[in-house]
C-alpha atoms as a PDB file:
ATOM      1  CA  MET A   1     -41.513  21.642  -3.709  1.00  0.00           C
ATOM      2  CA  SER A   2     -38.916  23.000  -6.059  1.00  0.00           C
ATOM      3  CA  ALA A   3     -40.041  24.774  -9.186  1.00  0.00           C
ATOM      4  CA  ALA A   4     -39.548  23.170 -12.587  1.00  0.00           C
ATOM      5  CA  LEU A   5     -36.397  24.083 -14.445  1.00  0.00           C
ATOM      6  CA  ALA A   6     -36.658  26.735 -17.095  1.00  0.00           C
ATOM      7  CA  PRO A   7     -35.886  25.705 -20.692  1.00  0.00           C
ATOM      8  CA  ARG A   8     -32.613  27.633 -20.600  1.00  0.00           C
ATOM      9  CA  ASP A   9     -31.580  25.883 -17.375  1.00  0.00           C
ATOM     10  CA  ARG A  10     -32.468  22.530 -18.881  1.00  0.00           C
ATOM     11  CA  LEU A  11     -30.216  23.235 -21.844  1.00  0.00           C
ATOM     12  CA  ARG A  12     -27.371  24.204 -19.528  1.00  0.00           C
ATOM     13  CA  LEU A  13     -27.892  21.065 -17.462  1.00  0.00           C
ATOM     14  CA  LEU A  14     -27.962  18.954 -20.614  1.00  0.00           C
ATOM     15  CA  GLY A  15     -24.762  20.603 -21.812  1.00  0.00           C
ATOM     16  CA  LEU A  16     -23.028  19.819 -18.532  1.00  0.00           C
ATOM     17  CA  LEU A  17     -24.200  16.199 -18.498  1.00  0.00           C
ATOM     18  CA  THR A  18     -23.511  15.464 -22.162  1.00  0.00           C
ATOM     19  CA  PRO A  19     -19.723  14.921 -21.807  1.00  0.00           C
ATOM     20  CA  ALA A  20     -20.293  12.485 -18.937  1.00  0.00           C
ATOM     21  CA  TYR A  21     -22.905  10.533 -20.882  1.00  0.00           C
ATOM     22  CA  LEU A  22     -20.698  10.469 -23.975  1.00  0.00           C
ATOM     23  CA  TRP A  23     -17.807   9.145 -21.907  1.00  0.00           C
ATOM     24  CA  LEU A  24     -20.006   6.432 -20.386  1.00  0.00           C
ATOM     25  CA  THR A  25     -21.242   5.488 -23.845  1.00  0.00           C
ATOM     26  CA  VAL A  26     -17.806   5.322 -25.449  1.00  0.00           C
ATOM     27  CA  ALA A  27     -15.872   3.818 -22.537  1.00  0.00           C
ATOM     28  CA  ILE A  28     -18.450   1.442 -21.032  1.00  0.00           C
ATOM     29  CA  PHE A  29     -21.586   0.747 -23.025  1.00  0.00           C
ATOM     30  CA  LEU A  30     -20.012   0.347 -26.455  1.00  0.00           C
ATOM     31  CA  PRO A  31     -17.279  -2.084 -25.271  1.00  0.00           C
ATOM     32  CA  LEU A  32     -19.837  -4.067 -23.271  1.00  0.00           C
ATOM     33  CA  SER A  33     -22.149  -4.185 -26.266  1.00  0.00           C
ATOM     34  CA  ALA A  34     -19.308  -5.437 -28.467  1.00  0.00           C
ATOM     35  CA  MET A  35     -18.379  -8.074 -25.869  1.00  0.00           C
ATOM     36  CA  LEU A  36     -22.000  -9.206 -25.643  1.00  0.00           C
ATOM     37  CA  PHE A  37     -22.137  -9.483 -29.426  1.00  0.00           C
ATOM     38  CA  PHE A  38     -18.952 -11.555 -29.550  1.00  0.00           C
ATOM     39  CA  SER A  39     -20.164 -13.834 -26.739  1.00  0.00           C
ATOM     40  CA  LEU A  40     -23.140 -14.911 -28.851  1.00  0.00           C
ATOM     41  CA  LEU A  41     -21.105 -15.873 -31.910  1.00  0.00           C
ATOM     42  CA  SER A  42     -19.699 -19.234 -32.924  1.00  0.00           C
ATOM     43  CA  ASP A  43     -16.516 -17.599 -34.262  1.00  0.00           C
ATOM     44  CA  VAL A  44     -15.038 -14.156 -34.747  1.00  0.00           C
ATOM     45  CA  PRO A  45     -16.913 -12.205 -37.440  1.00  0.00           C
ATOM     46  CA  PHE A  46     -13.734 -11.229 -39.279  1.00  0.00           C
ATOM     47  CA  GLY A  47     -11.879 -13.793 -41.319  1.00  0.00           C
ATOM     48  CA  ASP A  48     -12.832 -16.660 -43.602  1.00  0.00           C
ATOM     49  CA  ALA A  49     -14.470 -18.922 -40.999  1.00  0.00           C
ATOM     50  CA  PRO A  50     -18.290 -18.947 -41.067  1.00  0.00           C
ATOM     51  CA  TRP A  51     -20.073 -17.795 -37.945  1.00  0.00           C
ATOM     52  CA  HIS A  52     -23.571 -17.750 -36.556  1.00  0.00           C
ATOM     53  CA  VAL A  53     -25.392 -16.700 -33.408  1.00  0.00           C
ATOM     54  CA  THR A  54     -25.324 -19.328 -30.681  1.00  0.00           C
ATOM     55  CA  ALA A  55     -25.463 -19.773 -26.909  1.00  0.00           C
ATOM     56  CA  ASP A  56     -22.845 -22.545 -26.865  1.00  0.00           C
ATOM     57  CA  ASN A  57     -20.230 -20.283 -25.307  1.00  0.00           C
ATOM     58  CA  TYR A  58     -22.380 -19.805 -22.216  1.00  0.00           C
ATOM     59  CA  LEU A  59     -23.301 -23.480 -22.140  1.00  0.00           C
ATOM     60  CA  ALA A  60     -19.598 -24.370 -22.160  1.00  0.00           C
ATOM     61  CA  PHE A  61     -19.255 -22.805 -18.715  1.00  0.00           C
ATOM     62  CA  PHE A  62     -21.863 -25.174 -17.271  1.00  0.00           C
ATOM     63  CA  GLN A  63     -20.691 -28.197 -19.252  1.00  0.00           C
ATOM     64  CA  THR A  64     -17.040 -27.832 -18.168  1.00  0.00           C
ATOM     65  CA  THR A  65     -16.576 -27.951 -14.402  1.00  0.00           C
ATOM     66  CA  THR A  66     -13.085 -26.447 -14.692  1.00  0.00           C
ATOM     67  CA  TYR A  67     -14.482 -22.981 -15.336  1.00  0.00           C
ATOM     68  CA  ALA A  68     -16.689 -23.070 -12.245  1.00  0.00           C
ATOM     69  CA  LYS A  69     -13.798 -24.311 -10.090  1.00  0.00           C
ATOM     70  CA  LEU A  70     -11.521 -21.560 -11.353  1.00  0.00           C
ATOM     71  CA  LEU A  71     -14.238 -18.973 -10.769  1.00  0.00           C
ATOM     72  CA  TRP A  72     -14.638 -20.123  -7.168  1.00  0.00           C
ATOM     73  CA  LYS A  73     -10.847 -20.072  -6.806  1.00  0.00           C
ATOM     74  CA  SER A  74     -10.797 -16.476  -8.047  1.00  0.00           C
ATOM     75  CA  ILE A  75     -13.592 -15.477  -5.667  1.00  0.00           C
ATOM     76  CA  LYS A  76     -11.648 -16.939  -2.738  1.00  0.00           C
ATOM     77  CA  LEU A  77      -8.578 -15.022  -3.885  1.00  0.00           C
ATOM     78  CA  GLY A  78     -10.629 -11.838  -4.035  1.00  0.00           C
ATOM     79  CA  LEU A  79     -11.939 -12.407  -0.505  1.00  0.00           C
ATOM     80  CA  MET A  80      -8.438 -13.080   0.858  1.00  0.00           C
ATOM     81  CA  VAL A  81      -6.953  -9.985  -0.756  1.00  0.00           C
ATOM     82  CA  THR A  82      -9.903  -7.816   0.294  1.00  0.00           C
ATOM     83  CA  LEU A  83      -9.683  -9.039   3.887  1.00  0.00           C
ATOM     84  CA  ALA A  84      -5.940  -8.405   3.983  1.00  0.00           C
ATOM     85  CA  CYS A  85      -6.398  -4.903   2.538  1.00  0.00           C
ATOM     86  CA  VAL A  86      -9.100  -4.104   5.103  1.00  0.00           C
ATOM     87  CA  LEU A  87      -7.062  -5.394   8.046  1.00  0.00           C
ATOM     88  CA  VAL A  88      -3.985  -3.444   6.973  1.00  0.00           C
ATOM     89  CA  GLY A  89      -5.569  -0.407   5.352  1.00  0.00           C
ATOM     90  CA  TYR A  90      -8.199   0.587   7.909  1.00  0.00           C
ATOM     91  CA  PRO A  91      -5.756   1.036  10.832  1.00  0.00           C
ATOM     92  CA  CYS A  92      -3.444   2.994   8.524  1.00  0.00           C
ATOM     93  CA  ALA A  93      -6.334   5.244   7.497  1.00  0.00           C
ATOM     94  CA  TYR A  94      -7.301   5.762  11.128  1.00  0.00           C
ATOM     95  CA  VAL A  95      -3.766   6.802  12.061  1.00  0.00           C
ATOM     96  CA  LEU A  96      -3.628   9.210   9.129  1.00  0.00           C
ATOM     97  CA  ALA A  97      -7.026  10.725   9.901  1.00  0.00           C
ATOM     98  CA  LYS A  98      -6.992  10.962  13.691  1.00  0.00           C
ATOM     99  CA  THR A  99      -3.424  10.720  14.948  1.00  0.00           C
ATOM    100  CA  ILE A 100      -0.853  12.263  12.602  1.00  0.00           C
ATOM    101  CA  ARG A 101      -0.851  15.912  11.568  1.00  0.00           C
ATOM    102  CA  GLY A 102       1.269  18.212   9.434  1.00  0.00           C
ATOM    103  CA  ARG A 103       4.102  17.144   7.170  1.00  0.00           C
ATOM    104  CA  ALA A 104       4.264  13.661   8.630  1.00  0.00           C
ATOM    105  CA  ARG A 105       0.779  12.992   7.262  1.00  0.00           C
ATOM    106  CA  GLU A 106       1.799  14.358   3.851  1.00  0.00           C
ATOM    107  CA  ALA A 107       4.850  12.095   3.790  1.00  0.00           C
ATOM    108  CA  LEU A 108       2.769   9.041   4.688  1.00  0.00           C
ATOM    109  CA  PHE A 109       0.193   9.957   2.065  1.00  0.00           C
ATOM    110  CA  LEU A 110       2.977  10.071  -0.482  1.00  0.00           C
ATOM    111  CA  LEU A 111       4.006   6.557   0.485  1.00  0.00           C
ATOM    112  CA  VAL A 112       0.388   5.390   0.239  1.00  0.00           C
ATOM    113  CA  ILE A 113      -0.203   6.672  -3.293  1.00  0.00           C
ATOM    114  CA  LEU A 114       3.310   5.783  -4.493  1.00  0.00           C
ATOM    115  CA  PRO A 115       2.153   2.485  -6.092  1.00  0.00           C
ATOM    116  CA  PHE A 116      -0.160   4.496  -8.370  1.00  0.00           C
ATOM    117  CA  TRP A 117       2.862   6.260  -9.858  1.00  0.00           C
ATOM    118  CA  SER A 118       4.563   3.088 -11.050  1.00  0.00           C
ATOM    119  CA  ASN A 119       3.635   0.682 -13.779  1.00  0.00           C
ATOM    120  CA  SER A 120       1.857  -2.456 -12.617  1.00  0.00           C
ATOM    121  CA  LEU A 121       4.372  -4.712 -14.374  1.00  0.00           C
ATOM    122  CA  VAL A 122       7.223  -2.921 -12.609  1.00  0.00           C
ATOM    123  CA  ARG A 123       5.558  -3.567  -9.243  1.00  0.00           C
ATOM    124  CA  ILE A 124       4.956  -7.236 -10.028  1.00  0.00           C
ATOM    125  CA  PHE A 125       8.498  -7.936 -11.235  1.00  0.00           C
ATOM    126  CA  SER A 126       9.846  -6.035  -8.228  1.00  0.00           C
ATOM    127  CA  TRP A 127       8.017  -8.457  -5.963  1.00  0.00           C
ATOM    128  CA  ALA A 128       9.374 -11.326  -8.027  1.00  0.00           C
ATOM    129  CA  ILE A 129      12.899 -10.108  -7.262  1.00  0.00           C
ATOM    130  CA  VAL A 130      12.052  -9.806  -3.566  1.00  0.00           C
ATOM    131  CA  LEU A 131      10.209 -13.098  -3.078  1.00  0.00           C
ATOM    132  CA  ARG A 132      12.261 -15.483  -5.200  1.00  0.00           C
ATOM    133  CA  GLY A 133      14.851 -17.846  -3.793  1.00  0.00           C
ATOM    134  CA  ASN A 134      18.116 -16.052  -2.971  1.00  0.00           C
ATOM    135  CA  GLY A 135      16.198 -12.833  -3.496  1.00  0.00           C
ATOM    136  CA  VAL A 136      16.191  -9.563  -1.599  1.00  0.00           C
ATOM    137  CA  LEU A 137      14.021 -10.894   1.246  1.00  0.00           C
ATOM    138  CA  GLU A 138      16.089 -14.027   1.777  1.00  0.00           C
ATOM    139  CA  VAL A 139      19.425 -12.203   1.598  1.00  0.00           C
ATOM    140  CA  GLY A 140      18.196  -9.534   4.005  1.00  0.00           C
ATOM    141  CA  LEU A 141      16.922 -12.030   6.563  1.00  0.00           C
ATOM    142  CA  ASN A 142      20.108 -14.067   6.408  1.00  0.00           C
ATOM    143  CA  ALA A 143      22.118 -10.890   6.981  1.00  0.00           C
ATOM    144  CA  ILE A 144      20.126 -10.076  10.136  1.00  0.00           C
ATOM    145  CA  LEU A 145      19.308 -13.452  11.680  1.00  0.00           C
ATOM    146  CA  PRO A 146      21.990 -15.576  13.333  1.00  0.00           C
ATOM    147  CA  PHE A 147      20.763 -18.656  11.498  1.00  0.00           C
ATOM    148  CA  GLU A 148      20.196 -19.316   7.827  1.00  0.00           C
ATOM    149  CA  VAL A 149      16.671 -19.247   6.431  1.00  0.00           C
ATOM    150  CA  ASP A 150      15.346 -20.372   3.077  1.00  0.00           C
ATOM    151  CA  VAL A 151      12.642 -18.011   1.816  1.00  0.00           C
ATOM    152  CA  ASN A 152      11.226 -18.768  -1.605  1.00  0.00           C
ATOM    153  CA  LEU A 153       7.644 -17.560  -1.941  1.00  0.00           C
ATOM    154  CA  MET A 154       7.656 -17.309  -5.710  1.00  0.00           C
ATOM    155  CA  PHE A 155       5.079 -19.318  -7.654  1.00  0.00           C
ATOM    156  CA  SER A 156       2.792 -19.666  -4.647  1.00  0.00           C
ATOM    157  CA  THR A 157      -0.544 -18.290  -3.477  1.00  0.00           C
ATOM    158  CA  PRO A 158       1.068 -16.079  -0.778  1.00  0.00           C
ATOM    159  CA  ALA A 159       3.166 -14.391  -3.473  1.00  0.00           C
ATOM    160  CA  ILE A 160       0.019 -13.643  -5.488  1.00  0.00           C
ATOM    161  CA  VAL A 161      -1.756 -12.254  -2.421  1.00  0.00           C
ATOM    162  CA  ILE A 162       1.222 -10.055  -1.525  1.00  0.00           C
ATOM    163  CA  GLY A 163       1.417  -8.619  -5.028  1.00  0.00           C
ATOM    164  CA  LEU A 164      -2.312  -7.924  -5.188  1.00  0.00           C
ATOM    165  CA  VAL A 165      -2.452  -6.385  -1.716  1.00  0.00           C
ATOM    166  CA  HIS A 166       0.394  -4.046  -2.624  1.00  0.00           C
ATOM    167  CA  SER A 167      -1.451  -2.977  -5.781  1.00  0.00           C
ATOM    168  CA  TYR A 168      -4.919  -2.411  -4.279  1.00  0.00           C
ATOM    169  CA  LEU A 169      -4.237  -1.442  -0.660  1.00  0.00           C
ATOM    170  CA  PRO A 170      -4.303   2.326  -1.418  1.00  0.00           C
ATOM    171  CA  TYR A 171      -7.984   2.095  -2.398  1.00  0.00           C
ATOM    172  CA  VAL A 172      -8.988   0.970   1.086  1.00  0.00           C
ATOM    173  CA  ILE A 173      -6.718   3.494   2.785  1.00  0.00           C
ATOM    174  CA  LEU A 174      -7.962   6.465   0.754  1.00  0.00           C
ATOM    175  CA  THR A 175     -11.693   5.693   0.963  1.00  0.00           C
ATOM    176  CA  SER A 176     -11.470   4.867   4.668  1.00  0.00           C
ATOM    177  CA  TYR A 177      -9.439   8.011   5.313  1.00  0.00           C
ATOM    178  CA  LEU A 178     -12.091  10.212   3.705  1.00  0.00           C
ATOM    179  CA  ALA A 179     -14.824   8.593   5.817  1.00  0.00           C
ATOM    180  CA  LEU A 180     -12.780   8.846   9.023  1.00  0.00           C
ATOM    181  CA  GLN A 181     -11.810  12.435   8.325  1.00  0.00           C
ATOM    182  CA  ALA A 182     -15.504  13.353   8.101  1.00  0.00           C
ATOM    183  CA  ILE A 183     -16.177  12.126  11.663  1.00  0.00           C
ATOM    184  CA  ASP A 184     -16.411  15.066  14.055  1.00  0.00           C
ATOM    185  CA  ASP A 185     -13.758  14.787  16.761  1.00  0.00           C
ATOM    186  CA  SER A 186     -16.212  16.236  19.267  1.00  0.00           C
ATOM    187  CA  LEU A 187     -18.194  12.977  19.143  1.00  0.00           C
ATOM    188  CA  ILE A 188     -15.115  11.018  20.188  1.00  0.00           C
ATOM    189  CA  ASP A 189     -14.283  13.560  22.894  1.00  0.00           C
ATOM    190  CA  ALA A 190     -17.839  13.396  24.231  1.00  0.00           C
ATOM    191  CA  ALA A 191     -17.694   9.610  24.377  1.00  0.00           C
ATOM    192  CA  ARG A 192     -14.399   9.752  26.254  1.00  0.00           C
ATOM    193  CA  SER A 193     -15.781  12.280  28.738  1.00  0.00           C
ATOM    194  CA  MET A 194     -18.627   9.870  29.492  1.00  0.00           C
ATOM    195  CA  GLY A 195     -16.190   7.068  30.289  1.00  0.00           C
ATOM    196  CA  ALA A 196     -16.212   5.108  27.012  1.00  0.00           C
ATOM    197  CA  GLY A 197     -13.071   3.104  26.355  1.00  0.00           C
ATOM    198  CA  LYS A 198     -11.106   2.969  23.115  1.00  0.00           C
ATOM    199  CA  LEU A 199     -12.706  -0.277  21.962  1.00  0.00           C
ATOM    200  CA  THR A 200     -16.197   1.039  22.739  1.00  0.00           C
ATOM    201  CA  ILE A 201     -15.538   4.242  20.797  1.00  0.00           C
ATOM    202  CA  LEU A 202     -14.199   2.237  17.888  1.00  0.00           C
ATOM    203  CA  ARG A 203     -17.123  -0.210  17.900  1.00  0.00           C
ATOM    204  CA  ARG A 204     -19.983   2.209  18.585  1.00  0.00           C
ATOM    205  CA  ILE A 205     -18.862   5.438  16.880  1.00  0.00           C
ATOM    206  CA  VAL A 206     -15.851   5.241  14.597  1.00  0.00           C
ATOM    207  CA  LEU A 207     -16.537   1.975  12.786  1.00  0.00           C
ATOM    208  CA  PRO A 208     -20.273   2.567  12.045  1.00  0.00           C
ATOM    209  CA  LEU A 209     -19.682   6.109  10.796  1.00  0.00           C
ATOM    210  CA  SER A 210     -16.715   5.104   8.626  1.00  0.00           C
ATOM    211  CA  LEU A 211     -18.246   1.871   7.346  1.00  0.00           C
ATOM    212  CA  PRO A 212     -19.438   3.360   4.007  1.00  0.00           C
ATOM    213  CA  GLY A 213     -15.877   4.347   3.105  1.00  0.00           C
ATOM    214  CA  LEU A 214     -14.534   0.984   4.211  1.00  0.00           C
ATOM    215  CA  VAL A 215     -17.158  -0.847   2.147  1.00  0.00           C
ATOM    216  CA  ALA A 216     -16.412   1.311  -0.901  1.00  0.00           C
ATOM    217  CA  GLY A 217     -12.724   0.461  -0.617  1.00  0.00           C
ATOM    218  CA  ALA A 218     -13.479  -3.241  -0.201  1.00  0.00           C
ATOM    219  CA  VAL A 219     -15.618  -3.215  -3.352  1.00  0.00           C
ATOM    220  CA  LEU A 220     -12.914  -1.360  -5.281  1.00  0.00           C
ATOM    221  CA  VAL A 221     -10.498  -4.124  -4.285  1.00  0.00           C
ATOM    222  CA  PHE A 222     -12.697  -7.198  -4.670  1.00  0.00           C
ATOM    223  CA  VAL A 223     -14.086  -6.475  -8.144  1.00  0.00           C
ATOM    224  CA  PRO A 224     -10.768  -6.154 -10.041  1.00  0.00           C
ATOM    225  CA  VAL A 225      -8.977  -8.834  -8.011  1.00  0.00           C
ATOM    226  CA  VAL A 226     -11.531 -11.502  -9.007  1.00  0.00           C
ATOM    227  CA  GLY A 227     -10.658 -10.963 -12.650  1.00  0.00           C
ATOM    228  CA  SER A 228      -6.929 -10.289 -12.217  1.00  0.00           C
ATOM    229  CA  PHE A 229      -4.473 -12.167 -14.417  1.00  0.00           C
ATOM    230  CA  MET A 230      -1.070 -10.429 -14.403  1.00  0.00           C
ATOM    231  CA  GLU A 231      -0.189 -11.009 -10.742  1.00  0.00           C
ATOM    232  CA  PRO A 232      -1.344 -14.666 -10.733  1.00  0.00           C
ATOM    233  CA  ARG A 233       0.464 -15.439 -13.971  1.00  0.00           C
ATOM    234  CA  ILE A 234       3.803 -13.816 -13.050  1.00  0.00           C
ATOM    235  CA  LEU A 235       3.931 -14.457  -9.299  1.00  0.00           C
ATOM    236  CA  GLY A 236       1.966 -17.706  -9.241  1.00  0.00           C
ATOM    237  CA  GLY A 237       3.456 -19.758 -12.038  1.00  0.00           C
ATOM    238  CA  ARG A 238       1.666 -23.094 -12.259  1.00  0.00           C
ATOM    239  CA  VAL A 239      -0.537 -22.342  -9.244  1.00  0.00           C
ATOM    240  CA  GLY A 240      -1.482 -18.990 -10.786  1.00  0.00           C
ATOM    241  CA  THR A 241      -4.194 -20.382 -13.046  1.00  0.00           C
ATOM    242  CA  TYR A 242      -7.347 -18.448 -12.192  1.00  0.00           C
ATOM    243  CA  TYR A 243     -10.519 -17.439 -13.957  1.00  0.00           C
ATOM    244  CA  GLY A 244      -8.928 -14.201 -15.182  1.00  0.00           C
ATOM    245  CA  THR A 245      -5.931 -15.994 -16.680  1.00  0.00           C
ATOM    246  CA  VAL A 246      -8.251 -18.342 -18.569  1.00  0.00           C
ATOM    247  CA  ILE A 247     -10.134 -15.370 -20.013  1.00  0.00           C
ATOM    248  CA  GLU A 248      -6.850 -13.774 -21.068  1.00  0.00           C
ATOM    249  CA  ASP A 249      -5.778 -17.008 -22.753  1.00  0.00           C
ATOM    250  CA  GLN A 250      -8.980 -17.083 -24.790  1.00  0.00           C
ATOM    251  CA  PHE A 251      -8.243 -13.638 -26.221  1.00  0.00           C
ATOM    252  CA  VAL A 252      -4.446 -13.782 -26.509  1.00  0.00           C
ATOM    253  CA  ALA A 253      -3.348 -17.410 -26.885  1.00  0.00           C
ATOM    254  CA  VAL A 254      -6.299 -19.449 -28.143  1.00  0.00           C
ATOM    255  CA  PHE A 255      -7.911 -16.594 -30.126  1.00  0.00           C
ATOM    256  CA  ASN A 256     -11.335 -17.811 -29.047  1.00  0.00           C
ATOM    257  CA  TRP A 257     -12.863 -14.387 -28.502  1.00  0.00           C
ATOM    258  CA  PRO A 258     -16.500 -15.580 -28.264  1.00  0.00           C
ATOM    259  CA  LEU A 259     -15.725 -17.946 -25.379  1.00  0.00           C
ATOM    260  CA  GLY A 260     -13.573 -15.321 -23.667  1.00  0.00           C
ATOM    261  CA  ALA A 261     -16.374 -12.769 -23.980  1.00  0.00           C
ATOM    262  CA  ALA A 262     -18.925 -15.230 -22.575  1.00  0.00           C
ATOM    263  CA  LEU A 263     -16.690 -16.073 -19.626  1.00  0.00           C
ATOM    264  CA  SER A 264     -16.209 -12.357 -19.004  1.00  0.00           C
ATOM    265  CA  PHE A 265     -19.949 -11.725 -18.905  1.00  0.00           C
ATOM    266  CA  ILE A 266     -20.454 -14.654 -16.548  1.00  0.00           C
ATOM    267  CA  LEU A 267     -17.819 -13.160 -14.248  1.00  0.00           C
ATOM    268  CA  LEU A 268     -19.567  -9.787 -14.436  1.00  0.00           C
ATOM    269  CA  ALA A 269     -22.906 -11.388 -13.597  1.00  0.00           C
ATOM    270  CA  VAL A 270     -21.454 -13.294 -10.626  1.00  0.00           C
ATOM    271  CA  VAL A 271     -19.778 -10.170  -9.213  1.00  0.00           C
ATOM    272  CA  LEU A 272     -22.978  -8.136  -9.587  1.00  0.00           C
ATOM    273  CA  LEU A 273     -24.927 -10.937  -7.914  1.00  0.00           C
ATOM    274  CA  ILE A 274     -22.507 -11.003  -4.968  1.00  0.00           C
ATOM    275  CA  LEU A 275     -22.762  -7.230  -4.579  1.00  0.00           C
ATOM    276  CA  ALA A 276     -26.565  -7.369  -4.793  1.00  0.00           C
ATOM    277  CA  VAL A 277     -26.778 -10.105  -2.139  1.00  0.00           C
ATOM    278  CA  THR A 278     -24.421  -8.379   0.271  1.00  0.00           C
ATOM    279  CA  SER A 279     -25.769  -4.836  -0.152  1.00  0.00           C
ATOM    280  CA  PRO A 280     -28.832  -5.312   2.157  1.00  0.00           C
ATOM    281  CA  VAL A 281     -26.599  -6.732   4.876  1.00  0.00           C
ATOM    282  CA  LEU A 282     -24.225  -3.792   4.542  1.00  0.00           C
ATOM    283  CA  ARG A 283     -27.099  -1.306   4.647  1.00  0.00           C
ATOM    284  CA  ARG A 284     -28.405  -2.861   7.855  1.00  0.00           C
ATOM    285  CA  ALA A 285     -24.917  -2.728   9.353  1.00  0.00           C
ATOM    286  CA  GLN A 286     -24.687   0.988   8.553  1.00  0.00           C
ATOM    287  CA  ALA A 287     -28.119   1.757  10.024  1.00  0.00           C
END
């Protein structure tokens, strides 16, 4: 057993941990505490309107079926985007980790992280230019194909999915790449020498060992996508009404901060519940 830390070592450890705890307090716990406080009020505490503590904002979610339908719609959107990111990102990560070497890998990595260097609104409006009628995609296809095509994906669910996948795909690629890079190549070589095929190696060695990174990337995609509002509002138009857009409207348009805060906490609770339910299944899959 390890010996107890000396008082001087404890002070050093406390000094190293203090900035992290202060950051968590300022950036996470204080905003969440303020949101929880607002969610239990009948009106905003600043202004002339009287206010009192109430649970009506949470009851409104269960009394109005629209909120539950929009929440389920957002969860389905999150699952679609996460699945698309996994199907596209994992093969890309595998190629980067096990196939490409040298400057070619660096160039591809630059392309992967390029979305992080641009503003999210710039990315969304760029897709709007590409996907709209008579846009870049339609003009390009008509220039290549011998027949005329009409491509207008704007204000549709596919446009929202495309915009979200472009924004969050790097998370899956980077986390999967780190997990795949940690796999010893000698394990794959040993499996090949014993006659294992590519699919067997992928199913029995590569995928189980890289599953933690893949799961981490999927979580990093699913959680923000469920509450997204910019991509659905700009690329979806009328069909872009989701749970996140309703929450944004409560804060920006309606100025009903208590209801918006309550809806936000319900979304947080649902996401945490989904992660808690799926975590045992994922742990068994990794075993």
